[in-house]
Amino acid sequence: MSIRLNPYLGFRDNAKEAMEFYQSVFGGELTRSTFAEFHASEDPSEQEKTMHAALTTPSGLSLMAADTPNAMEYTPGNNYSVSLSGENVDDVELTGYWTKLIDGGSVTMPLEVAPWGDKFGMCVDKFGVAWLVNIAGAPQMQTAGE
């Protein structure tokens, strides 16, 4: 068994909508459980909230999310980003994700060749989640003496 690092996003009342959007971007299988299914809240307004959602794609991407209970503080912010990266051979797939993520969102830095030679861009999707996309360029050949 290997160790995985999965982004886990918190929302207030729209985790289901957000995860369905991410499924439309990345494809894959989306599972979702509500607070009612786990008997996790006695508050009637929370019964259909998302207790846990997980999106897993055939290419190995994994994204998880939940709605924050009403009794807990929820402060959306800019203290996290989700990073998508791959090799030049993944250019078409990663560029496709980029195009879908910016739909209804905003571009912070256009997806273009960066000073380090990779194609890189930053955006914020329509749910306020910051994304970094990095497509590694061809390896640079070093000359003797470098």
C-alpha atoms as a PDB file:
ATOM      1  CA  MET A   1       0.000   0.000   0.000  1.00  0.00           C
ATOM      2  CA  SER A   2       1.306   3.441  -0.865  1.00  0.00           C
ATOM      3  CA  ILE A   3       0.814   6.758   0.892  1.00  0.00           C
ATOM      4  CA  ARG A   4      -1.268   9.333  -0.962  1.00  0.00           C
ATOM      5  CA  LEU A   5      -1.724  13.035  -0.451  1.00  0.00           C
ATOM      6  CA  ASN A   6      -5.270  14.096  -1.315  1.00  0.00           C
ATOM      7  CA  PRO A   7      -6.590  17.637  -1.368  1.00  0.00           C
ATOM      8  CA  TYR A   8      -9.668  17.855   0.880  1.00  0.00           C
ATOM      9  CA  LEU A   9     -11.806  20.909   0.241  1.00  0.00           C
ATOM     10  CA  GLY A  10     -14.309  22.379   2.660  1.00  0.00           C
ATOM     11  CA  PHE A  11     -17.488  24.125   1.527  1.00  0.00           C
ATOM     12  CA  ARG A  12     -20.527  25.515   3.350  1.00  0.00           C
ATOM     13  CA  ASP A  13     -23.544  24.349   1.382  1.00  0.00           C
ATOM     14  CA  ASN A  14     -22.351  23.554  -2.139  1.00  0.00           C
ATOM     15  CA  ALA A  15     -19.925  20.616  -1.878  1.00  0.00           C
ATOM     16  CA  LYS A  16     -22.224  18.457  -4.020  1.00  0.00           C
ATOM     17  CA  GLU A  17     -22.366  21.070  -6.782  1.00  0.00           C
ATOM     18  CA  ALA A  18     -18.613  21.689  -6.591  1.00  0.00           C
ATOM     19  CA  MET A  19     -17.733  17.994  -6.767  1.00  0.00           C
ATOM     20  CA  GLU A  20     -20.088  17.452  -9.710  1.00  0.00           C
ATOM     21  CA  PHE A  21     -18.311  20.335 -11.435  1.00  0.00           C
ATOM     22  CA  TYR A  22     -14.898  18.769 -10.743  1.00  0.00           C
ATOM     23  CA  GLN A  23     -16.202  15.465 -12.092  1.00  0.00           C
ATOM     24  CA  SER A  24     -17.201  17.282 -15.306  1.00  0.00           C
ATOM     25  CA  VAL A  25     -13.646  18.657 -15.498  1.00  0.00           C
ATOM     26  CA  PHE A  26     -11.635  15.527 -14.649  1.00  0.00           C
ATOM     27  CA  GLY A  27     -14.066  12.664 -15.270  1.00  0.00           C
ATOM     28  CA  GLY A  28     -13.865   9.673 -12.973  1.00  0.00           C
ATOM     29  CA  GLU A  29     -16.096   8.205 -10.304  1.00  0.00           C
ATOM     30  CA  LEU A  30     -17.748  10.435  -7.700  1.00  0.00           C
ATOM     31  CA  THR A  31     -19.065   9.026  -4.448  1.00  0.00           C
ATOM     32  CA  ARG A  32     -21.005  11.100  -1.933  1.00  0.00           C
ATOM     33  CA  SER A  33     -22.503  10.509   1.493  1.00  0.00           C
ATOM     34  CA  THR A  34     -24.825  12.884   3.321  1.00  0.00           C
ATOM     35  CA  PHE A  35     -24.983  13.831   6.976  1.00  0.00           C
ATOM     36  CA  ALA A  36     -28.309  11.942   7.143  1.00  0.00           C
ATOM     37  CA  GLU A  37     -26.730   8.707   5.898  1.00  0.00           C
ATOM     38  CA  PHE A  38     -24.214   8.790   8.751  1.00  0.00           C
ATOM     39  CA  HIS A  39     -26.647  10.184  11.351  1.00  0.00           C
ATOM     40  CA  ALA A  40     -23.996  12.881  11.802  1.00  0.00           C
ATOM     41  CA  SER A  41     -26.289  15.778  12.612  1.00  0.00           C
ATOM     42  CA  GLU A  42     -29.561  16.331  14.395  1.00  0.00           C
ATOM     43  CA  ASP A  43     -30.037  19.655  12.591  1.00  0.00           C
ATOM     44  CA  PRO A  44     -32.773  19.125   9.962  1.00  0.00           C
ATOM     45  CA  SER A  45     -31.159  21.734   7.683  1.00  0.00           C
ATOM     46  CA  GLU A  46     -27.979  19.648   7.469  1.00  0.00           C
ATOM     47  CA  GLN A  47     -29.424  16.280   6.477  1.00  0.00           C
ATOM     48  CA  GLU A  48     -28.706  16.628   2.742  1.00  0.00           C
ATOM     49  CA  LYS A  49     -25.336  18.330   3.193  1.00  0.00           C
ATOM     50  CA  THR A  50     -22.298  16.400   2.012  1.00  0.00           C
ATOM     51  CA  MET A  51     -20.592  14.571   4.876  1.00  0.00           C
ATOM     52  CA  HIS A  52     -17.918  13.183   2.536  1.00  0.00           C
ATOM     53  CA  ALA A  53     -17.366  13.150  -1.215  1.00  0.00           C
ATOM     54  CA  ALA A  54     -14.517  11.568  -3.149  1.00  0.00           C
ATOM     55  CA  LEU A  55     -13.638  11.860  -6.803  1.00  0.00           C
ATOM     56  CA  THR A  56     -11.200   9.303  -8.218  1.00  0.00           C
ATOM     57  CA  THR A  57     -10.128   9.329 -11.851  1.00  0.00           C
ATOM     58  CA  PRO A  58      -8.638   6.575 -14.009  1.00  0.00           C
ATOM     59  CA  SER A  59      -5.428   8.608 -14.326  1.00  0.00           C
ATOM     60  CA  GLY A  60      -4.948   8.549 -10.534  1.00  0.00           C
ATOM     61  CA  LEU A  61      -6.298  11.950  -9.490  1.00  0.00           C
ATOM     62  CA  SER A  62      -8.101  12.049  -6.164  1.00  0.00           C
ATOM     63  CA  LEU A  63     -10.071  14.963  -4.709  1.00  0.00           C
ATOM     64  CA  MET A  64     -12.200  14.930  -1.552  1.00  0.00           C
ATOM     65  CA  ALA A  65     -14.648  17.426  -0.057  1.00  0.00           C
ATOM     66  CA  ALA A  66     -17.330  17.996   2.547  1.00  0.00           C
ATOM     67  CA  ASP A  67     -19.780  20.653   3.657  1.00  0.00           C
ATOM     68  CA  THR A  68     -18.826  22.369   6.903  1.00  0.00           C
ATOM     69  CA  PRO A  69     -21.503  21.878   9.591  1.00  0.00           C
ATOM     70  CA  ASN A  70     -23.474  24.992  10.558  1.00  0.00           C
ATOM     71  CA  ALA A  71     -21.993  24.958  14.067  1.00  0.00           C
ATOM     72  CA  MET A  72     -18.417  25.138  12.759  1.00  0.00           C
ATOM     73  CA  GLU A  73     -16.664  28.261  11.519  1.00  0.00           C
ATOM     74  CA  TYR A  74     -16.267  28.450   7.768  1.00  0.00           C
ATOM     75  CA  THR A  75     -13.929  31.026   6.274  1.00  0.00           C
ATOM     76  CA  PRO A  76     -13.108  30.582   2.618  1.00  0.00           C
ATOM     77  CA  GLY A  77      -9.695  31.933   1.908  1.00  0.00           C
ATOM     78  CA  ASN A  78      -6.596  31.922  -0.130  1.00  0.00           C
ATOM     79  CA  ASN A  79      -4.569  29.683   2.163  1.00  0.00           C
ATOM     80  CA  TYR A  80      -4.590  26.662  -0.142  1.00  0.00           C
ATOM     81  CA  SER A  81      -4.217  25.740  -3.798  1.00  0.00           C
ATOM     82  CA  VAL A  82      -4.636  22.532  -5.692  1.00  0.00           C
ATOM     83  CA  SER A  83      -1.732  21.687  -7.974  1.00  0.00           C
ATOM     84  CA  LEU A  84      -2.048  19.702 -11.203  1.00  0.00           C
ATOM     85  CA  SER A  85       1.201  18.732 -12.838  1.00  0.00           C
ATOM     86  CA  GLY A  86       2.423  16.338 -15.445  1.00  0.00           C
ATOM     87  CA  GLU A  87       4.847  15.756 -18.250  1.00  0.00           C
ATOM     88  CA  ASN A  88       4.793  17.244 -21.727  1.00  0.00           C
ATOM     89  CA  VAL A  89       3.052  14.075 -22.939  1.00  0.00           C
ATOM     90  CA  ASP A  90       0.092  15.063 -20.721  1.00  0.00           C
ATOM     91  CA  ASP A  91      -0.183  18.502 -22.372  1.00  0.00           C
ATOM     92  CA  VAL A  92      -3.539  17.891 -24.092  1.00  0.00           C
ATOM     93  CA  GLU A  93      -5.132  16.410 -20.963  1.00  0.00           C
ATOM     94  CA  LEU A  94      -3.823  19.106 -18.614  1.00  0.00           C
ATOM     95  CA  THR A  95      -4.703  21.929 -21.025  1.00  0.00           C
ATOM     96  CA  GLY A  96      -8.219  20.482 -21.235  1.00  0.00           C
ATOM     97  CA  TYR A  97      -8.521  20.565 -17.437  1.00  0.00           C
ATOM     98  CA  TRP A  98      -7.282  24.175 -17.461  1.00  0.00           C
ATOM     99  CA  THR A  99      -9.903  25.223 -20.016  1.00  0.00           C
ATOM    100  CA  LYS A 100     -12.698  23.692 -17.957  1.00  0.00           C
ATOM    101  CA  LEU A 101     -11.427  25.120 -14.644  1.00  0.00           C
ATOM    102  CA  ILE A 102     -11.338  28.700 -15.929  1.00  0.00           C
ATOM    103  CA  ASP A 103     -14.927  28.485 -17.230  1.00  0.00           C
ATOM    104  CA  GLY A 104     -16.800  30.798 -14.840  1.00  0.00           C
ATOM    105  CA  GLY A 105     -13.602  31.462 -12.906  1.00  0.00           C
ATOM    106  CA  SER A 106     -10.672  33.816 -13.355  1.00  0.00           C
ATOM    107  CA  VAL A 107      -7.132  33.496 -14.665  1.00  0.00           C
ATOM    108  CA  THR A 108      -4.468  34.704 -12.227  1.00  0.00           C
ATOM    109  CA  MET A 109      -1.563  33.834 -14.532  1.00  0.00           C
ATOM    110  CA  PRO A 110      -2.110  32.616 -18.107  1.00  0.00           C
ATOM    111  CA  LEU A 111      -1.073  29.072 -18.993  1.00  0.00           C
ATOM    112  CA  GLU A 112       2.122  29.744 -20.941  1.00  0.00           C
ATOM    113  CA  VAL A 113       5.801  28.902 -20.973  1.00  0.00           C
ATOM    114  CA  ALA A 114       7.379  30.023 -17.708  1.00  0.00           C
ATOM    115  CA  PRO A 115      10.994  31.129 -17.138  1.00  0.00           C
ATOM    116  CA  TRP A 116      11.921  27.610 -15.964  1.00  0.00           C
ATOM    117  CA  GLY A 117      10.777  26.110 -19.281  1.00  0.00           C
ATOM    118  CA  ASP A 118       7.520  24.468 -18.204  1.00  0.00           C
ATOM    119  CA  LYS A 119       4.080  25.614 -19.255  1.00  0.00           C
ATOM    120  CA  PHE A 120       2.519  27.073 -16.092  1.00  0.00           C
ATOM    121  CA  GLY A 121      -0.688  28.867 -15.180  1.00  0.00           C
ATOM    122  CA  MET A 122      -2.743  29.862 -12.159  1.00  0.00           C
ATOM    123  CA  CYS A 123      -6.496  30.325 -11.888  1.00  0.00           C
ATOM    124  CA  VAL A 124      -9.349  30.503  -9.434  1.00  0.00           C
ATOM    125  CA  ASP A 125     -12.394  28.416 -10.349  1.00  0.00           C
ATOM    126  CA  LYS A 126     -16.001  29.533  -9.960  1.00  0.00           C
ATOM    127  CA  PHE A 127     -16.060  28.095  -6.431  1.00  0.00           C
ATOM    128  CA  GLY A 128     -13.099  30.180  -5.242  1.00  0.00           C
ATOM    129  CA  VAL A 129     -10.568  27.320  -5.314  1.00  0.00           C
ATOM    130  CA  ALA A 130      -7.093  28.337  -6.484  1.00  0.00           C
ATOM    131  CA  TRP A 131      -5.440  25.989  -9.006  1.00  0.00           C
ATOM    132  CA  LEU A 132      -1.853  25.713 -10.273  1.00  0.00           C
ATOM    133  CA  VAL A 133      -1.230  23.856 -13.535  1.00  0.00           C
ATOM    134  CA  ASN A 134       2.321  22.911 -14.505  1.00  0.00           C
ATOM    135  CA  ILE A 135       3.198  20.987 -17.663  1.00  0.00           C
ATOM    136  CA  ALA A 136       6.853  19.974 -17.589  1.00  0.00           C
ATOM    137  CA  GLY A 137       8.720  20.880 -20.756  1.00  0.00           C
ATOM    138  CA  ALA A 138      11.243  18.719 -22.506  1.00  0.00           C
ATOM    139  CA  PRO A 139      14.313  18.082 -20.334  1.00  0.00           C
ATOM    140  CA  GLN A 140      17.038  20.629 -20.968  1.00  0.00           C
ATOM    141  CA  MET A 141      20.348  19.253 -22.210  1.00  0.00           C
ATOM    142  CA  GLN A 142      23.320  20.509 -20.268  1.00  0.00           C
ATOM    143  CA  THR A 143      26.564  21.307 -22.016  1.00  0.00           C
ATOM    144  CA  ALA A 144      29.964  20.340 -20.633  1.00  0.00           C
ATOM    145  CA  GLY A 145      31.063  22.593 -17.803  1.00  0.00           C
ATOM    146  CA  GLU A 146      27.554  23.419 -16.522  1.00  0.00           C
END
